[in-house]
C-alpha atoms as a PDB file:
ATOM      1  CA  UNK A   1       0.000   0.000   0.000  1.00  0.00           C
ATOM      2  CA  UNK A   2       1.297   3.437  -0.899  1.00  0.00           C
ATOM      3  CA  UNK A   3       1.624   6.076   1.801  1.00  0.00           C
ATOM      4  CA  UNK A   4       2.710   9.609   0.917  1.00  0.00           C
ATOM      5  CA  UNK A   5       5.157  11.229   3.308  1.00  0.00           C
ATOM      6  CA  UNK A   6       3.717  14.695   2.851  1.00  0.00           C
ATOM      7  CA  UNK A   7       0.453  15.824   1.294  1.00  0.00           C
ATOM      8  CA  UNK A   8       1.801  18.918  -0.403  1.00  0.00           C
ATOM      9  CA  UNK A   9      -0.960  19.223  -3.018  1.00  0.00           C
ATOM     10  CA  UNK A  10       1.606  20.734  -5.358  1.00  0.00           C
ATOM     11  CA  UNK A  11       1.139  21.066  -9.091  1.00  0.00           C
ATOM     12  CA  UNK A  12       3.570  18.954 -11.122  1.00  0.00           C
ATOM     13  CA  UNK A  13       4.681  20.910 -14.212  1.00  0.00           C
ATOM     14  CA  UNK A  14       5.292  17.662 -16.107  1.00  0.00           C
ATOM     15  CA  UNK A  15       1.732  16.427 -15.850  1.00  0.00           C
ATOM     16  CA  UNK A  16      -0.550  19.216 -14.804  1.00  0.00           C
ATOM     17  CA  UNK A  17      -1.879  16.776 -12.184  1.00  0.00           C
ATOM     18  CA  UNK A  18      -1.467  17.011  -8.440  1.00  0.00           C
ATOM     19  CA  UNK A  19       1.303  14.792  -7.090  1.00  0.00           C
ATOM     20  CA  UNK A  20       2.605  13.700  -3.703  1.00  0.00           C
ATOM     21  CA  UNK A  21       6.108  12.472  -2.948  1.00  0.00           C
ATOM     22  CA  UNK A  22       6.491   8.829  -1.903  1.00  0.00           C
ATOM     23  CA  UNK A  23       9.353   7.835   0.409  1.00  0.00           C
ATOM     24  CA  UNK A  24      11.361   5.053  -1.202  1.00  0.00           C
ATOM     25  CA  UNK A  25      14.089   2.573  -0.331  1.00  0.00           C
ATOM     26  CA  UNK A  26      16.484   0.723  -2.619  1.00  0.00           C
ATOM     27  CA  UNK A  27      16.854  -3.042  -2.193  1.00  0.00           C
ATOM     28  CA  UNK A  28      20.628  -3.438  -2.404  1.00  0.00           C
ATOM     29  CA  UNK A  29      22.220  -6.698  -1.180  1.00  0.00           C
ATOM     30  CA  UNK A  30      24.279  -5.915   1.928  1.00  0.00           C
ATOM     31  CA  UNK A  31      27.322  -7.569   0.382  1.00  0.00           C
ATOM     32  CA  UNK A  32      27.256  -4.953  -2.405  1.00  0.00           C
ATOM     33  CA  UNK A  33      26.485  -1.818  -0.443  1.00  0.00           C
ATOM     34  CA  UNK A  34      29.404   0.609  -0.106  1.00  0.00           C
ATOM     35  CA  UNK A  35      31.922  -1.865  -1.537  1.00  0.00           C
ATOM     36  CA  UNK A  36      30.315  -2.167  -4.978  1.00  0.00           C
ATOM     37  CA  UNK A  37      27.422   0.287  -4.979  1.00  0.00           C
ATOM     38  CA  UNK A  38      28.000   3.864  -3.854  1.00  0.00           C
ATOM     39  CA  UNK A  39      24.899   5.735  -2.689  1.00  0.00           C
ATOM     40  CA  UNK A  40      25.033   9.482  -2.192  1.00  0.00           C
ATOM     41  CA  UNK A  41      21.658  11.055  -1.473  1.00  0.00           C
ATOM     42  CA  UNK A  42      19.581  10.033  -4.509  1.00  0.00           C
ATOM     43  CA  UNK A  43      22.498   9.036  -6.762  1.00  0.00           C
ATOM     44  CA  UNK A  44      23.571   5.410  -7.198  1.00  0.00           C
ATOM     45  CA  UNK A  45      26.925   4.469  -8.746  1.00  0.00           C
ATOM     46  CA  UNK A  46      28.340   1.020  -9.442  1.00  0.00           C
ATOM     47  CA  UNK A  47      32.048   0.940  -8.679  1.00  0.00           C
ATOM     48  CA  UNK A  48      32.924  -2.001 -10.946  1.00  0.00           C
ATOM     49  CA  UNK A  49      31.753  -3.892 -14.031  1.00  0.00           C
ATOM     50  CA  UNK A  50      29.733  -6.533 -12.199  1.00  0.00           C
ATOM     51  CA  UNK A  51      26.044  -6.709 -13.059  1.00  0.00           C
ATOM     52  CA  UNK A  52      23.816  -5.404 -10.296  1.00  0.00           C
ATOM     53  CA  UNK A  53      20.016  -5.210 -10.239  1.00  0.00           C
ATOM     54  CA  UNK A  54      18.349  -2.836  -7.801  1.00  0.00           C
ATOM     55  CA  UNK A  55      14.681  -2.983  -6.824  1.00  0.00           C
ATOM     56  CA  UNK A  56      12.868  -0.092  -5.190  1.00  0.00           C
ATOM     57  CA  UNK A  57      10.257  -0.134  -2.466  1.00  0.00           C
ATOM     58  CA  UNK A  58       7.444   0.572  -1.857  1.00  0.00           C
ATOM     59  CA  UNK A  59       5.559  -2.159  -3.605  1.00  0.00           C
ATOM     60  CA  UNK A  60       3.220  -0.476  -6.088  1.00  0.00           C
ATOM     61  CA  UNK A  61      -0.225  -2.046  -5.921  1.00  0.00           C
ATOM     62  CA  UNK A  62      -2.695   0.834  -6.165  1.00  0.00           C
ATOM     63  CA  UNK A  63      -3.065   4.311  -7.568  1.00  0.00           C
ATOM     64  CA  UNK A  64      -1.049   6.054 -10.280  1.00  0.00           C
ATOM     65  CA  UNK A  65       2.665   6.197  -9.620  1.00  0.00           C
ATOM     66  CA  UNK A  66       5.473   7.979 -11.444  1.00  0.00           C
ATOM     67  CA  UNK A  67       9.126   6.996 -11.008  1.00  0.00           C
ATOM     68  CA  UNK A  68      11.678   9.277 -12.675  1.00  0.00           C
ATOM     69  CA  UNK A  69      15.408   8.642 -12.966  1.00  0.00           C
ATOM     70  CA  UNK A  70      18.204  10.456 -14.759  1.00  0.00           C
ATOM     71  CA  UNK A  71      21.049   8.592 -16.411  1.00  0.00           C
ATOM     72  CA  UNK A  72      24.203  10.068 -14.921  1.00  0.00           C
ATOM     73  CA  UNK A  73      26.395   7.652 -16.846  1.00  0.00           C
ATOM     74  CA  UNK A  74      25.401   4.915 -19.251  1.00  0.00           C
ATOM     75  CA  UNK A  75      22.248   3.601 -17.510  1.00  0.00           C
ATOM     76  CA  UNK A  76      21.494   0.268 -19.205  1.00  0.00           C
ATOM     77  CA  UNK A  77      17.826  -0.379 -18.504  1.00  0.00           C
ATOM     78  CA  UNK A  78      14.814   0.434 -16.347  1.00  0.00           C
ATOM     79  CA  UNK A  79      11.672  -1.535 -15.710  1.00  0.00           C
ATOM     80  CA  UNK A  80       9.435  -3.379 -13.260  1.00  0.00           C
ATOM     81  CA  UNK A  81       9.403  -6.774 -11.574  1.00  0.00           C
ATOM     82  CA  UNK A  82       6.491  -8.586  -9.978  1.00  0.00           C
ATOM     83  CA  UNK A  83       6.314  -8.724  -6.196  1.00  0.00           C
ATOM     84  CA  UNK A  84       7.851 -12.224  -5.908  1.00  0.00           C
ATOM     85  CA  UNK A  85      11.200 -11.177  -7.383  1.00  0.00           C
ATOM     86  CA  UNK A  86      14.262 -10.671  -5.168  1.00  0.00           C
ATOM     87  CA  UNK A  87      17.900 -10.342  -6.224  1.00  0.00           C
ATOM     88  CA  UNK A  88      21.247 -11.360  -4.808  1.00  0.00           C
ATOM     89  CA  UNK A  89      24.673  -9.997  -5.710  1.00  0.00           C
ATOM     90  CA  UNK A  90      25.897 -10.128  -9.310  1.00  0.00           C
ATOM     91  CA  UNK A  91      22.508 -11.002 -10.805  1.00  0.00           C
ATOM     92  CA  UNK A  92      20.896  -9.789 -14.008  1.00  0.00           C
ATOM     93  CA  UNK A  93      17.230  -8.651 -13.965  1.00  0.00           C
ATOM     94  CA  UNK A  94      16.140 -11.888 -15.661  1.00  0.00           C
ATOM     95  CA  UNK A  95      17.728 -14.101 -12.970  1.00  0.00           C
ATOM     96  CA  UNK A  96      14.234 -15.066 -11.698  1.00  0.00           C
ATOM     97  CA  UNK A  97      12.763 -15.388 -15.189  1.00  0.00           C
ATOM     98  CA  UNK A  98      12.041 -13.057 -18.097  1.00  0.00           C
ATOM     99  CA  UNK A  99       8.322 -13.691 -17.592  1.00  0.00           C
ATOM    100  CA  UNK A 100       8.386 -11.797 -14.285  1.00  0.00           C
ATOM    101  CA  UNK A 101       9.878  -8.535 -15.543  1.00  0.00           C
ATOM    102  CA  UNK A 102       9.559  -5.795 -18.138  1.00  0.00           C
ATOM    103  CA  UNK A 103      12.706  -3.950 -19.200  1.00  0.00           C
ATOM    104  CA  UNK A 104      13.154  -0.795 -21.256  1.00  0.00           C
ATOM    105  CA  UNK A 105      16.657  -0.820 -22.694  1.00  0.00           C
ATOM    106  CA  UNK A 106      18.570   2.347 -23.487  1.00  0.00           C
ATOM    107  CA  UNK A 107      18.465   1.439 -27.189  1.00  0.00           C
ATOM    108  CA  UNK A 108      14.665   1.833 -27.203  1.00  0.00           C
ATOM    109  CA  UNK A 109      13.605  -1.816 -26.958  1.00  0.00           C
ATOM    110  CA  UNK A 110      11.113  -3.233 -24.457  1.00  0.00           C
ATOM    111  CA  UNK A 111      11.602  -6.824 -23.353  1.00  0.00           C
ATOM    112  CA  UNK A 112       9.290  -9.254 -21.578  1.00  0.00           C
ATOM    113  CA  UNK A 113       9.341 -13.059 -21.489  1.00  0.00           C
ATOM    114  CA  UNK A 114      12.043 -13.309 -24.207  1.00  0.00           C
ATOM    115  CA  UNK A 115      10.049 -11.052 -26.544  1.00  0.00           C
ATOM    116  CA  UNK A 116      11.106  -7.617 -27.776  1.00  0.00           C
ATOM    117  CA  UNK A 117       9.209  -4.610 -29.098  1.00  0.00           C
ATOM    118  CA  UNK A 118      10.954  -1.751 -30.879  1.00  0.00           C
ATOM    119  CA  UNK A 119      10.040   1.825 -31.641  1.00  0.00           C
ATOM    120  CA  UNK A 120      10.557   3.738 -28.411  1.00  0.00           C
ATOM    121  CA  UNK A 121      13.237   6.392 -28.121  1.00  0.00           C
ATOM    122  CA  UNK A 122      16.757   5.672 -26.977  1.00  0.00           C
ATOM    123  CA  UNK A 123      17.957   7.210 -23.730  1.00  0.00           C
ATOM    124  CA  UNK A 124      21.524   8.253 -23.039  1.00  0.00           C
ATOM    125  CA  UNK A 125      23.657   9.878 -20.374  1.00  0.00           C
ATOM    126  CA  UNK A 126      21.866  12.980 -19.129  1.00  0.00           C
ATOM    127  CA  UNK A 127      18.406  11.864 -20.229  1.00  0.00           C
ATOM    128  CA  UNK A 128      15.451  11.455 -17.870  1.00  0.00           C
ATOM    129  CA  UNK A 129      13.383   8.286 -18.026  1.00  0.00           C
ATOM    130  CA  UNK A 130       9.928   8.068 -16.473  1.00  0.00           C
ATOM    131  CA  UNK A 131       7.991   4.942 -15.580  1.00  0.00           C
ATOM    132  CA  UNK A 132       4.290   5.592 -15.080  1.00  0.00           C
ATOM    133  CA  UNK A 133       2.208   2.813 -13.568  1.00  0.00           C
ATOM    134  CA  UNK A 134      -1.562   3.077 -13.563  1.00  0.00           C
ATOM    135  CA  UNK A 135      -2.806   0.445 -11.152  1.00  0.00           C
ATOM    136  CA  UNK A 136      -6.350   1.840 -11.139  1.00  0.00           C
ATOM    137  CA  UNK A 137      -7.058   1.457 -14.854  1.00  0.00           C
ATOM    138  CA  UNK A 138      -8.511  -1.678 -16.397  1.00  0.00           C
ATOM    139  CA  UNK A 139      -6.286  -3.156 -17.603  1.00  0.00           C
ATOM    140  CA  UNK A 140      -3.379  -1.845 -15.510  1.00  0.00           C
ATOM    141  CA  UNK A 141      -0.775  -0.068 -17.654  1.00  0.00           C
ATOM    142  CA  UNK A 142       2.932   0.703 -17.652  1.00  0.00           C
ATOM    143  CA  UNK A 143       3.984   3.662 -19.794  1.00  0.00           C
ATOM    144  CA  UNK A 144       7.420   5.093 -20.588  1.00  0.00           C
ATOM    145  CA  UNK A 145       8.574   8.677 -21.093  1.00  0.00           C
ATOM    146  CA  UNK A 146      11.974   9.978 -22.206  1.00  0.00           C
ATOM    147  CA  UNK A 147      12.674  13.607 -21.291  1.00  0.00           C
ATOM    148  CA  UNK A 148       8.931  14.008 -20.584  1.00  0.00           C
ATOM    149  CA  UNK A 149       7.920  12.724 -24.037  1.00  0.00           C
ATOM    150  CA  UNK A 150       5.490   9.798 -23.955  1.00  0.00           C
ATOM    151  CA  UNK A 151       6.726   6.749 -25.864  1.00  0.00           C
ATOM    152  CA  UNK A 152       4.408   4.862 -28.247  1.00  0.00           C
ATOM    153  CA  UNK A 153       4.954   1.331 -26.942  1.00  0.00           C
ATOM    154  CA  UNK A 154       3.593   0.566 -23.482  1.00  0.00           C
ATOM    155  CA  UNK A 155       2.632  -2.538 -21.509  1.00  0.00           C
ATOM    156  CA  UNK A 156      -0.881  -3.498 -20.417  1.00  0.00           C
ATOM    157  CA  UNK A 157      -2.308  -5.977 -17.929  1.00  0.00           C
ATOM    158  CA  UNK A 158       0.729  -5.760 -15.671  1.00  0.00           C
ATOM    159  CA  UNK A 159       0.695  -7.703 -12.367  1.00  0.00           C
ATOM    160  CA  UNK A 160      -1.375  -6.354  -9.495  1.00  0.00           C
ATOM    161  CA  UNK A 161       1.759  -5.530  -7.488  1.00  0.00           C
ATOM    162  CA  UNK A 162       5.192  -4.575  -8.839  1.00  0.00           C
ATOM    163  CA  UNK A 163       8.440  -2.840  -7.895  1.00  0.00           C
ATOM    164  CA  UNK A 164      10.552  -0.457  -9.935  1.00  0.00           C
ATOM    165  CA  UNK A 165      13.730  -2.060 -11.263  1.00  0.00           C
ATOM    166  CA  UNK A 166      17.052  -0.609 -12.406  1.00  0.00           C
ATOM    167  CA  UNK A 167      19.961  -2.493 -13.886  1.00  0.00           C
ATOM    168  CA  UNK A 168      23.507  -1.231 -13.495  1.00  0.00           C
ATOM    169  CA  UNK A 169      26.829  -2.388 -14.943  1.00  0.00           C
ATOM    170  CA  UNK A 170      29.391   0.328 -14.494  1.00  0.00           C
ATOM    171  CA  UNK A 171      26.435   2.732 -14.514  1.00  0.00           C
ATOM    172  CA  UNK A 172      25.262   5.687 -12.471  1.00  0.00           C
ATOM    173  CA  UNK A 173      21.763   7.109 -12.102  1.00  0.00           C
ATOM    174  CA  UNK A 174      19.860   9.555  -9.943  1.00  0.00           C
ATOM    175  CA  UNK A 175      16.323   9.141  -8.632  1.00  0.00           C
ATOM    176  CA  UNK A 176      14.526  12.384  -9.479  1.00  0.00           C
ATOM    177  CA  UNK A 177      10.975  11.581  -8.401  1.00  0.00           C
ATOM    178  CA  UNK A 178       8.934   8.799  -6.861  1.00  0.00           C
ATOM    179  CA  UNK A 179       5.416  10.097  -6.481  1.00  0.00           C
ATOM    180  CA  UNK A 180       1.704   9.387  -6.556  1.00  0.00           C
ATOM    181  CA  UNK A 181      -0.390  11.227  -9.143  1.00  0.00           C
ATOM    182  CA  UNK A 182      -4.006  12.286  -8.909  1.00  0.00           C
ATOM    183  CA  UNK A 183      -4.485  11.570 -12.631  1.00  0.00           C
ATOM    184  CA  UNK A 184      -2.461   9.783 -15.328  1.00  0.00           C
ATOM    185  CA  UNK A 185      -0.226  11.776 -17.663  1.00  0.00           C
ATOM    186  CA  UNK A 186      -0.130   9.001 -20.295  1.00  0.00           C
ATOM    187  CA  UNK A 187      -2.494   9.653 -23.203  1.00  0.00           C
ATOM    188  CA  UNK A 188      -1.959   6.499 -25.314  1.00  0.00           C
ATOM    189  CA  UNK A 189      -2.962   8.486 -28.370  1.00  0.00           C
ATOM    190  CA  UNK A 190      -2.614   7.845 -32.093  1.00  0.00           C
ATOM    191  CA  UNK A 191       0.367   5.665 -32.880  1.00  0.00           C
ATOM    192  CA  UNK A 192       0.495   4.064 -29.447  1.00  0.00           C
ATOM    193  CA  UNK A 193       0.490   0.315 -29.026  1.00  0.00           C
ATOM    194  CA  UNK A 194      -0.153  -1.841 -25.970  1.00  0.00           C
ATOM    195  CA  UNK A 195       1.871  -5.016 -25.463  1.00  0.00           C
ATOM    196  CA  UNK A 196       0.187  -7.366 -23.013  1.00  0.00           C
ATOM    197  CA  UNK A 197       2.097  -8.727 -20.044  1.00  0.00           C
ATOM    198  CA  UNK A 198       2.143 -12.529 -19.999  1.00  0.00           C
ATOM    199  CA  UNK A 199       1.346 -12.894 -23.704  1.00  0.00           C
ATOM    200  CA  UNK A 200       3.535 -13.632 -26.713  1.00  0.00           C
ATOM    201  CA  UNK A 201       4.416 -10.372 -28.461  1.00  0.00           C
ATOM    202  CA  UNK A 202       3.871 -10.679 -32.195  1.00  0.00           C
ATOM    203  CA  UNK A 203       5.214  -8.017 -34.524  1.00  0.00           C
ATOM    204  CA  UNK A 204       3.078  -6.668 -37.346  1.00  0.00           C
ATOM    205  CA  UNK A 205       3.809  -8.257 -40.715  1.00  0.00           C
END
């Protein structure tokens, strides 16, 4: 369940909808903290080339939630994992199965259960990537933004409870926002396409 730390009723310039900050915590294996992963305020840096997957609490299971990160250096991928997924040291996001995660790679591809969709924008060092989860819609949706621009490919029918996921390998990123929205910013307008979680993704011929 999501609990806002402060009900500021502020207006978010990105969405035009009211938003409230959500306190968050990174799930970093103790064996990696400080030695392999440096955390300074909201910035996370991997100190070596070992793969490291970081999950973020709280568990998202209701409402409309926006998670925004900035690639400080070479962020590889962002995404979500269902509530059963936990990671140990030196594990890739798919260590518990591709069917339990959705990843948005920096090259613009979305991956789920061994299937890829293409057509979203790339993101590079300095870019902001937003994950917007609408757990109140039917079906539940997961939409991506790059530098505040909505991307055409999104995921529908996501699990009822998920966590934000970030994959590092010699990467650095900063958490900009983790907040609850009063209304979705995603429009899913002309040119958008939903890819259903748990289904085989078939490309148009």
